[in-house]
Amino acid sequence: RENDKAVELLEKALSLNPNDVDTLIVYAQGLAITGEDEQAIQSAYEAMQIDPLNPDVHDALATVLSRVGQDEKAVEVLEQGLTSWPRNLELLTSLRRIHFFASDYASALKVSETITEMDPENFGNWQARFEMYLDLGALTEAQEAVNRMYELAPERAYDEMAKMELAKGLVDGYREYLRKYTEARSW
């Protein structure tokens, strides 16, 4: 498998420079993908020991922990990082993502509000808000989020606009946005 080959190459790179944080991070993520959970966690923590003042290392450790099913620890790592870097969009986005995939929408939306205050044109944040509101059945809020997405990048919002129309029971509107989505995609 390609992932196994990539891990082997990273092991060779680490044998030459075992303290290269960037390589350790990618190695840990590769191990997590290939199911080597314990080794992935160990490598991510090694990167943290080498460079604990790097927010990217906190983010990478949290990503590895989340990937191997340790979301609570991942949240702790991100919250620890956010005490040092409270306005770090990468850490906040990862925290929102973990809460989102755990269906902890209250926490995810709280983090999303912070992201919105810092970066009101963050399309991905509006997209996550839309998905959460839609799942919660909060159609007014979902409509506001999808409208903002449409303002930012209409061609990227057609899929969500179609979902919104369907949620409102407007089949013709759903079909129209689905058609626009299909035409906008470069298949």
C-alpha atoms as a PDB file:
ATOM      1  CA  ARG A   1       0.000   0.000   0.000  1.00  0.00           C
ATOM      2  CA  GLU A   2       1.073   3.555  -0.693  1.00  0.00           C
ATOM      3  CA  ASN A   3       0.599   4.664   2.912  1.00  0.00           C
ATOM      4  CA  ASP A   4       2.897   1.908   4.138  1.00  0.00           C
ATOM      5  CA  LYS A   5       5.554   2.984   1.633  1.00  0.00           C
ATOM      6  CA  ALA A   6       5.237   6.594   2.760  1.00  0.00           C
ATOM      7  CA  VAL A   7       5.685   5.531   6.396  1.00  0.00           C
ATOM      8  CA  GLU A   8       8.817   3.593   5.432  1.00  0.00           C
ATOM      9  CA  LEU A   9      10.271   6.665   3.703  1.00  0.00           C
ATOM     10  CA  LEU A  10       9.501   8.801   6.732  1.00  0.00           C
ATOM     11  CA  GLU A  11      11.229   6.250   8.980  1.00  0.00           C
ATOM     12  CA  LYS A  12      14.339   6.570   6.807  1.00  0.00           C
ATOM     13  CA  ALA A  13      14.168  10.354   7.054  1.00  0.00           C
ATOM     14  CA  LEU A  14      13.825  10.147  10.827  1.00  0.00           C
ATOM     15  CA  SER A  15      16.807   7.823  11.071  1.00  0.00           C
ATOM     16  CA  LEU A  16      18.844  10.677   9.546  1.00  0.00           C
ATOM     17  CA  ASN A  17      17.272  13.429  11.653  1.00  0.00           C
ATOM     18  CA  PRO A  18      15.185  12.042  14.544  1.00  0.00           C
ATOM     19  CA  ASN A  19      14.386  15.501  15.941  1.00  0.00           C
ATOM     20  CA  ASP A  20      12.814  16.934  12.792  1.00  0.00           C
ATOM     21  CA  VAL A  21       9.430  17.999  14.101  1.00  0.00           C
ATOM     22  CA  ASP A  22       7.775  18.341  10.701  1.00  0.00           C
ATOM     23  CA  THR A  23       8.816  14.816   9.717  1.00  0.00           C
ATOM     24  CA  LEU A  24       7.690  13.450  13.089  1.00  0.00           C
ATOM     25  CA  ILE A  25       4.273  15.047  12.634  1.00  0.00           C
ATOM     26  CA  VAL A  26       3.781  13.639   9.137  1.00  0.00           C
ATOM     27  CA  TYR A  27       5.099  10.269  10.345  1.00  0.00           C
ATOM     28  CA  ALA A  28       2.630  10.244  13.249  1.00  0.00           C
ATOM     29  CA  GLN A  29      -0.241  11.098  10.915  1.00  0.00           C
ATOM     30  CA  GLY A  30       0.850   8.362   8.495  1.00  0.00           C
ATOM     31  CA  LEU A  31       0.992   5.833  11.308  1.00  0.00           C
ATOM     32  CA  ALA A  32      -2.510   6.824  12.408  1.00  0.00           C
ATOM     33  CA  ILE A  33      -3.782   6.330   8.865  1.00  0.00           C
ATOM     34  CA  THR A  34      -2.213   2.873   8.669  1.00  0.00           C
ATOM     35  CA  GLY A  35      -3.695   1.845  12.019  1.00  0.00           C
ATOM     36  CA  GLU A  36      -0.513   1.983  14.082  1.00  0.00           C
ATOM     37  CA  ASP A  37      -2.298   3.928  16.803  1.00  0.00           C
ATOM     38  CA  GLU A  38       0.112   3.577  19.735  1.00  0.00           C
ATOM     39  CA  GLN A  39       3.163   4.378  17.643  1.00  0.00           C
ATOM     40  CA  ALA A  40       1.324   7.316  16.070  1.00  0.00           C
ATOM     41  CA  ILE A  41       0.504   8.770  19.479  1.00  0.00           C
ATOM     42  CA  GLN A  42       4.057   8.219  20.703  1.00  0.00           C
ATOM     43  CA  SER A  43       5.538   9.980  17.668  1.00  0.00           C
ATOM     44  CA  ALA A  44       3.144  12.911  18.003  1.00  0.00           C
ATOM     45  CA  TYR A  45       4.060  13.282  21.688  1.00  0.00           C
ATOM     46  CA  GLU A  46       7.752  13.163  20.733  1.00  0.00           C
ATOM     47  CA  ALA A  47       7.157  16.114  18.421  1.00  0.00           C
ATOM     48  CA  MET A  48       5.441  17.914  21.310  1.00  0.00           C
ATOM     49  CA  GLN A  49       8.438  17.275  23.572  1.00  0.00           C
ATOM     50  CA  ILE A  50      10.817  18.678  20.958  1.00  0.00           C
ATOM     51  CA  ASP A  51       8.795  21.799  20.159  1.00  0.00           C
ATOM     52  CA  PRO A  52       6.099  22.438  22.802  1.00  0.00           C
ATOM     53  CA  LEU A  53       5.836  26.113  21.856  1.00  0.00           C
ATOM     54  CA  ASN A  54       4.679  25.403  18.326  1.00  0.00           C
ATOM     55  CA  PRO A  55       0.906  25.627  17.785  1.00  0.00           C
ATOM     56  CA  ASP A  56       1.208  23.410  14.701  1.00  0.00           C
ATOM     57  CA  VAL A  57       2.531  20.625  16.924  1.00  0.00           C
ATOM     58  CA  HIS A  58      -0.478  20.970  19.243  1.00  0.00           C
ATOM     59  CA  ASP A  59      -2.754  20.806  16.220  1.00  0.00           C
ATOM     60  CA  ALA A  60      -0.965  17.764  14.801  1.00  0.00           C
ATOM     61  CA  LEU A  61      -1.044  15.910  18.139  1.00  0.00           C
ATOM     62  CA  ALA A  62      -4.757  16.642  18.473  1.00  0.00           C
ATOM     63  CA  THR A  63      -5.358  15.440  14.908  1.00  0.00           C
ATOM     64  CA  VAL A  64      -3.568  12.160  15.593  1.00  0.00           C
ATOM     65  CA  LEU A  65      -5.415  11.657  18.884  1.00  0.00           C
ATOM     66  CA  SER A  66      -8.749  12.333  17.202  1.00  0.00           C
ATOM     67  CA  ARG A  67      -7.941  10.037  14.288  1.00  0.00           C
ATOM     68  CA  VAL A  68      -7.279   7.160  16.700  1.00  0.00           C
ATOM     69  CA  GLY A  69     -10.517   7.797  18.606  1.00  0.00           C
ATOM     70  CA  GLN A  70      -9.194   9.793  21.554  1.00  0.00           C
ATOM     71  CA  ASP A  71     -11.301  12.901  21.055  1.00  0.00           C
ATOM     72  CA  GLU A  72     -11.331  13.913  24.731  1.00  0.00           C
ATOM     73  CA  LYS A  73      -7.534  13.990  24.836  1.00  0.00           C
ATOM     74  CA  ALA A  74      -7.492  15.826  21.514  1.00  0.00           C
ATOM     75  CA  VAL A  75      -9.801  18.505  22.925  1.00  0.00           C
ATOM     76  CA  GLU A  76      -7.534  18.839  25.981  1.00  0.00           C
ATOM     77  CA  VAL A  77      -4.466  19.334  23.776  1.00  0.00           C
ATOM     78  CA  LEU A  78      -6.246  21.973  21.687  1.00  0.00           C
ATOM     79  CA  GLU A  79      -7.594  23.791  24.720  1.00  0.00           C
ATOM     80  CA  GLN A  80      -4.106  23.756  26.231  1.00  0.00           C
ATOM     81  CA  GLY A  81      -2.746  25.246  23.010  1.00  0.00           C
ATOM     82  CA  LEU A  82      -5.487  27.856  22.946  1.00  0.00           C
ATOM     83  CA  THR A  83      -4.424  29.109  26.375  1.00  0.00           C
ATOM     84  CA  SER A  84      -1.152  30.168  24.729  1.00  0.00           C
ATOM     85  CA  TRP A  85      -2.563  31.075  21.315  1.00  0.00           C
ATOM     86  CA  PRO A  86      -6.239  32.013  21.852  1.00  0.00           C
ATOM     87  CA  ARG A  87      -6.652  33.468  18.370  1.00  0.00           C
ATOM     88  CA  ASN A  88      -5.032  30.660  16.397  1.00  0.00           C
ATOM     89  CA  LEU A  89      -7.476  29.795  13.608  1.00  0.00           C
ATOM     90  CA  GLU A  90      -5.966  26.352  12.971  1.00  0.00           C
ATOM     91  CA  LEU A  91      -6.382  25.293  16.597  1.00  0.00           C
ATOM     92  CA  LEU A  92      -9.895  26.725  16.740  1.00  0.00           C
ATOM     93  CA  THR A  93     -10.868  25.047  13.461  1.00  0.00           C
ATOM     94  CA  SER A  94      -9.572  21.694  14.693  1.00  0.00           C
ATOM     95  CA  LEU A  95     -11.462  22.105  17.958  1.00  0.00           C
ATOM     96  CA  ARG A  96     -14.662  22.941  16.079  1.00  0.00           C
ATOM     97  CA  ARG A  97     -14.131  19.945  13.775  1.00  0.00           C
ATOM     98  CA  ILE A  98     -13.684  17.500  16.656  1.00  0.00           C
ATOM     99  CA  HIS A  99     -16.802  18.785  18.401  1.00  0.00           C
ATOM    100  CA  PHE A 100     -18.691  18.709  15.089  1.00  0.00           C
ATOM    101  CA  PHE A 101     -17.826  15.080  14.301  1.00  0.00           C
ATOM    102  CA  ALA A 102     -18.675  14.112  17.878  1.00  0.00           C
ATOM    103  CA  SER A 103     -22.099  15.750  17.290  1.00  0.00           C
ATOM    104  CA  ASP A 104     -21.387  18.158  20.161  1.00  0.00           C
ATOM    105  CA  TYR A 105     -22.958  20.987  18.218  1.00  0.00           C
ATOM    106  CA  ALA A 106     -23.295  23.337  21.193  1.00  0.00           C
ATOM    107  CA  SER A 107     -19.522  23.306  21.716  1.00  0.00           C
ATOM    108  CA  ALA A 108     -18.813  23.373  17.986  1.00  0.00           C
ATOM    109  CA  LEU A 109     -21.089  26.371  17.466  1.00  0.00           C
ATOM    110  CA  LYS A 110     -19.462  28.210  20.371  1.00  0.00           C
ATOM    111  CA  VAL A 111     -16.033  27.731  18.765  1.00  0.00           C
ATOM    112  CA  SER A 112     -17.517  28.640  15.389  1.00  0.00           C
ATOM    113  CA  GLU A 113     -18.711  31.977  16.814  1.00  0.00           C
ATOM    114  CA  THR A 114     -15.142  32.776  17.837  1.00  0.00           C
ATOM    115  CA  ILE A 115     -13.895  31.867  14.363  1.00  0.00           C
ATOM    116  CA  THR A 116     -16.608  34.047  12.803  1.00  0.00           C
ATOM    117  CA  GLU A 117     -15.567  37.012  14.959  1.00  0.00           C
ATOM    118  CA  MET A 118     -11.947  36.576  13.864  1.00  0.00           C
ATOM    119  CA  ASP A 119     -12.552  35.674  10.220  1.00  0.00           C
ATOM    120  CA  PRO A 120     -16.085  36.504   9.054  1.00  0.00           C
ATOM    121  CA  GLU A 121     -15.261  35.393   5.496  1.00  0.00           C
ATOM    122  CA  ASN A 122     -14.127  31.884   6.447  1.00  0.00           C
ATOM    123  CA  PHE A 123     -16.166  29.807   3.997  1.00  0.00           C
ATOM    124  CA  GLY A 124     -15.388  26.488   5.704  1.00  0.00           C
ATOM    125  CA  ASN A 125     -16.617  27.825   9.021  1.00  0.00           C
ATOM    126  CA  TRP A 126     -19.897  28.966   7.478  1.00  0.00           C
ATOM    127  CA  GLN A 127     -20.205  25.582   5.792  1.00  0.00           C
ATOM    128  CA  ALA A 128     -19.776  23.777   9.127  1.00  0.00           C
ATOM    129  CA  ARG A 129     -22.325  26.099  10.730  1.00  0.00           C
ATOM    130  CA  PHE A 130     -24.782  25.341   7.931  1.00  0.00           C
ATOM    131  CA  GLU A 131     -24.366  21.567   8.377  1.00  0.00           C
ATOM    132  CA  MET A 132     -24.833  21.806  12.145  1.00  0.00           C
ATOM    133  CA  TYR A 133     -27.896  24.014  11.936  1.00  0.00           C
ATOM    134  CA  LEU A 134     -29.394  21.767   9.276  1.00  0.00           C
ATOM    135  CA  ASP A 135     -28.796  18.679  11.453  1.00  0.00           C
ATOM    136  CA  LEU A 136     -30.396  20.495  14.388  1.00  0.00           C
ATOM    137  CA  GLY A 137     -33.422  21.452  12.283  1.00  0.00           C
ATOM    138  CA  ALA A 138     -32.679  25.145  12.849  1.00  0.00           C
ATOM    139  CA  LEU A 139     -33.668  26.154   9.321  1.00  0.00           C
ATOM    140  CA  THR A 140     -33.585  29.919   9.888  1.00  0.00           C
ATOM    141  CA  GLU A 141     -29.983  29.764  11.099  1.00  0.00           C
ATOM    142  CA  ALA A 142     -29.080  27.271   8.361  1.00  0.00           C
ATOM    143  CA  GLN A 143     -30.517  29.655   5.765  1.00  0.00           C
ATOM    144  CA  GLU A 144     -28.471  32.549   7.199  1.00  0.00           C
ATOM    145  CA  ALA A 145     -25.307  30.442   7.053  1.00  0.00           C
ATOM    146  CA  VAL A 146     -25.904  29.248   3.490  1.00  0.00           C
ATOM    147  CA  ASN A 147     -26.743  32.795   2.393  1.00  0.00           C
ATOM    148  CA  ARG A 148     -23.386  33.937   3.777  1.00  0.00           C
ATOM    149  CA  MET A 149     -21.658  31.090   1.931  1.00  0.00           C
ATOM    150  CA  TYR A 150     -23.408  32.152  -1.271  1.00  0.00           C
ATOM    151  CA  GLU A 151     -22.264  35.754  -0.774  1.00  0.00           C
ATOM    152  CA  LEU A 152     -18.670  34.592  -0.316  1.00  0.00           C
ATOM    153  CA  ALA A 153     -18.489  32.081  -3.176  1.00  0.00           C
ATOM    154  CA  PRO A 154     -21.706  31.264  -5.058  1.00  0.00           C
ATOM    155  CA  GLU A 155     -20.253  28.427  -7.132  1.00  0.00           C
ATOM    156  CA  ARG A 156     -18.961  26.715  -3.961  1.00  0.00           C
ATOM    157  CA  ALA A 157     -22.334  27.046  -2.209  1.00  0.00           C
ATOM    158  CA  TYR A 158     -24.644  25.436  -4.784  1.00  0.00           C
ATOM    159  CA  ASP A 159     -24.563  22.020  -3.096  1.00  0.00           C
ATOM    160  CA  GLU A 160     -25.561  23.499   0.256  1.00  0.00           C
ATOM    161  CA  MET A 161     -28.160  25.726  -1.397  1.00  0.00           C
ATOM    162  CA  ALA A 162     -29.677  22.560  -2.890  1.00  0.00           C
ATOM    163  CA  LYS A 163     -29.723  20.891   0.535  1.00  0.00           C
ATOM    164  CA  MET A 164     -31.411  23.959   2.004  1.00  0.00           C
ATOM    165  CA  GLU A 165     -34.097  23.951  -0.651  1.00  0.00           C
ATOM    166  CA  LEU A 166     -34.761  20.265  -0.026  1.00  0.00           C
ATOM    167  CA  ALA A 167     -34.950  20.839   3.739  1.00  0.00           C
ATOM    168  CA  LYS A 168     -37.627  23.468   3.074  1.00  0.00           C
ATOM    169  CA  GLY A 169     -39.488  21.013   0.833  1.00  0.00           C
ATOM    170  CA  LEU A 170     -38.825  23.033  -2.315  1.00  0.00           C
ATOM    171  CA  VAL A 171     -38.053  20.309  -4.833  1.00  0.00           C
ATOM    172  CA  ASP A 172     -37.840  22.632  -7.850  1.00  0.00           C
ATOM    173  CA  GLY A 173     -35.340  24.863  -6.043  1.00  0.00           C
ATOM    174  CA  TYR A 174     -33.386  21.767  -5.035  1.00  0.00           C
ATOM    175  CA  ARG A 175     -33.209  20.618  -8.659  1.00  0.00           C
ATOM    176  CA  GLU A 176     -32.150  24.075  -9.863  1.00  0.00           C
ATOM    177  CA  TYR A 177     -29.260  24.371  -7.402  1.00  0.00           C
ATOM    178  CA  LEU A 178     -28.267  20.779  -8.043  1.00  0.00           C
ATOM    179  CA  ARG A 179     -28.123  21.600 -11.763  1.00  0.00           C
ATOM    180  CA  LYS A 180     -25.969  24.676 -11.028  1.00  0.00           C
ATOM    181  CA  TYR A 181     -23.741  22.581  -8.778  1.00  0.00           C
ATOM    182  CA  THR A 182     -23.259  19.985 -11.501  1.00  0.00           C
ATOM    183  CA  GLU A 183     -22.499  22.629 -14.125  1.00  0.00           C
ATOM    184  CA  ALA A 184     -20.027  24.432 -11.840  1.00  0.00           C
ATOM    185  CA  ARG A 185     -18.052  21.269 -11.095  1.00  0.00           C
ATOM    186  CA  SER A 186     -15.154  20.506 -13.377  1.00  0.00           C
ATOM    187  CA  TRP A 187     -15.635  16.767 -13.607  1.00  0.00           C
END
